[in-house]
Amino acid sequence: MEPFWNKTLTRDALLTVFTSAILALSCFYGPTIHLPFLVGVLSGISLGVLQPRKGWILAVEQVMLVIGFYFLINNLRLLPPFDADATQFTAFLQFLPVFAGSYLGGFLKRAF
């Protein structure tokens, strides 16, 4: 039986850190909520394709990292938000597109 945490899951967890930073930056650069949610769905689909059975672990990691990166960027004033309310809204609601995308990616990977 294969162990739960293996090398591919570690590799994908490190890749999730990179995509979470991109997702958090898209929250700051997006003038509306559409761009960050699109990036969230696409990154969630990629997580589901990478790990069809364990994609939810990567989705939880990505949501926590996006919120952490949001607080880091916002508190240190590294980037001025395009719209502060939209930035906060999209950062805190990223769990919806990321989890939906992760489920969809895992479903598509297992189906085909």
Protein backbone atom coordinates (compact mmCIF):
# COMPACT_ATOMS: atom_id res chain seq x y z
CA MET A 1 0.00 0.00 0.00
CA GLU A 2 1.25 3.44 -0.92
CA PRO A 3 1.87 5.92 1.93
CA PHE A 4 -0.53 8.85 2.18
CA TRP A 5 2.14 11.55 1.90
CA ASN A 6 4.51 10.78 -0.97
CA LYS A 7 7.00 12.62 -3.18
CA THR A 8 4.44 13.72 -5.73
CA LEU A 9 2.21 15.23 -3.06
CA THR A 10 5.22 17.09 -1.64
CA ARG A 11 6.08 18.40 -5.10
CA ASP A 12 2.49 19.48 -5.69
CA ALA A 13 2.34 21.14 -2.25
CA LEU A 14 5.39 23.23 -3.16
CA LEU A 15 3.79 24.11 -6.49
CA THR A 16 0.68 25.18 -4.58
CA VAL A 17 2.74 27.77 -2.69
CA PHE A 18 3.73 29.35 -6.01
CA THR A 19 0.19 29.32 -7.43
CA SER A 20 -1.16 30.74 -4.16
CA ALA A 21 1.18 33.71 -4.46
CA ILE A 22 -0.03 34.31 -8.01
CA LEU A 23 -3.63 34.01 -6.86
CA ALA A 24 -3.09 36.49 -4.02
CA LEU A 25 -1.44 38.94 -6.41
CA SER A 26 -4.37 38.62 -8.80
CA CYS A 27 -6.64 39.72 -5.95
CA PHE A 28 -4.65 42.94 -5.67
CA TYR A 29 -4.41 43.64 -9.40
CA GLY A 30 -7.97 42.77 -10.39
CA PRO A 31 -10.27 45.78 -10.77
CA THR A 32 -13.26 43.47 -10.22
CA ILE A 33 -13.79 40.04 -8.74
CA HIS A 34 -13.81 38.25 -12.08
CA LEU A 35 -10.08 37.92 -12.71
CA PRO A 36 -9.16 36.53 -9.25
CA PHE A 37 -12.05 34.08 -9.33
CA LEU A 38 -11.06 32.91 -12.81
CA VAL A 39 -7.48 32.41 -11.65
CA GLY A 40 -8.84 30.57 -8.58
CA VAL A 41 -10.92 28.18 -10.67
CA LEU A 42 -8.06 27.48 -13.06
CA SER A 43 -5.59 26.86 -10.24
CA GLY A 44 -8.14 24.63 -8.50
CA ILE A 45 -8.63 22.61 -11.67
CA SER A 46 -4.88 22.18 -11.97
CA LEU A 47 -4.71 20.97 -8.37
CA GLY A 48 -7.45 18.45 -9.05
CA VAL A 49 -5.70 17.19 -12.17
CA LEU A 50 -2.37 16.87 -10.35
CA GLN A 51 -3.86 14.97 -7.41
CA PRO A 52 -7.27 13.50 -8.29
CA ARG A 53 -7.76 11.74 -4.95
CA LYS A 54 -5.92 14.19 -2.67
CA GLY A 55 -6.69 17.47 -4.40
CA TRP A 56 -8.73 18.67 -1.44
CA ILE A 57 -5.57 18.77 0.68
CA LEU A 58 -3.91 21.03 -1.84
CA ALA A 59 -7.07 23.15 -2.05
CA VAL A 60 -7.09 23.64 1.73
CA GLU A 61 -3.41 24.57 1.59
CA GLN A 62 -4.01 27.02 -1.23
CA VAL A 63 -6.90 28.76 0.50
CA MET A 64 -4.91 29.17 3.72
CA LEU A 65 -1.88 30.46 1.80
CA VAL A 66 -3.95 32.95 -0.20
CA ILE A 67 -5.38 34.42 2.98
CA GLY A 68 -1.91 34.46 4.54
CA PHE A 69 -0.40 36.15 1.49
CA TYR A 70 -3.26 38.65 1.49
CA PHE A 71 -2.54 39.64 5.09
CA LEU A 72 1.20 39.75 4.40
CA ILE A 73 0.87 41.97 1.33
CA ASN A 74 -1.82 44.16 2.89
CA ASN A 75 -0.19 44.69 6.30
CA LEU A 76 3.29 45.33 4.92
CA ARG A 77 1.81 47.60 2.21
CA LEU A 78 3.78 45.84 -0.51
CA LEU A 79 1.13 46.53 -3.17
CA PRO A 80 -1.61 49.11 -3.16
CA PRO A 81 -4.93 47.38 -3.87
CA PHE A 82 -6.83 48.49 -6.95
CA ASP A 83 -10.05 48.40 -4.92
CA ALA A 84 -9.61 47.56 -1.23
CA ASP A 85 -13.11 46.15 -0.75
CA ALA A 86 -12.96 43.96 -3.86
CA THR A 87 -9.50 42.75 -2.89
CA GLN A 88 -10.61 41.69 0.57
CA PHE A 89 -13.80 40.12 -0.78
CA THR A 90 -12.00 38.02 -3.37
CA ALA A 91 -9.23 36.97 -1.02
CA PHE A 92 -11.65 35.72 1.63
CA LEU A 93 -13.99 33.99 -0.83
CA GLN A 94 -11.31 32.14 -2.77
CA PHE A 95 -12.34 28.89 -1.11
CA LEU A 96 -15.39 28.67 -3.39
CA PRO A 97 -13.63 28.66 -6.80
CA VAL A 98 -10.60 26.75 -5.53
CA PHE A 99 -12.63 23.89 -4.02
CA ALA A 100 -15.03 23.78 -6.97
CA GLY A 101 -12.12 23.74 -9.41
CA SER A 102 -10.30 21.07 -7.44
CA TYR A 103 -13.37 18.85 -7.45
CA LEU A 104 -13.89 19.46 -11.18
CA GLY A 105 -10.24 18.75 -12.02
CA GLY A 106 -10.23 15.54 -9.98
CA PHE A 107 -13.47 14.43 -11.59
CA LEU A 108 -12.19 15.09 -15.10
CA LYS A 109 -8.87 13.34 -14.40
CA ARG A 110 -10.62 10.25 -13.03
CA ALA A 111 -13.23 10.24 -15.78
CA PHE A 112 -10.81 10.40 -18.69
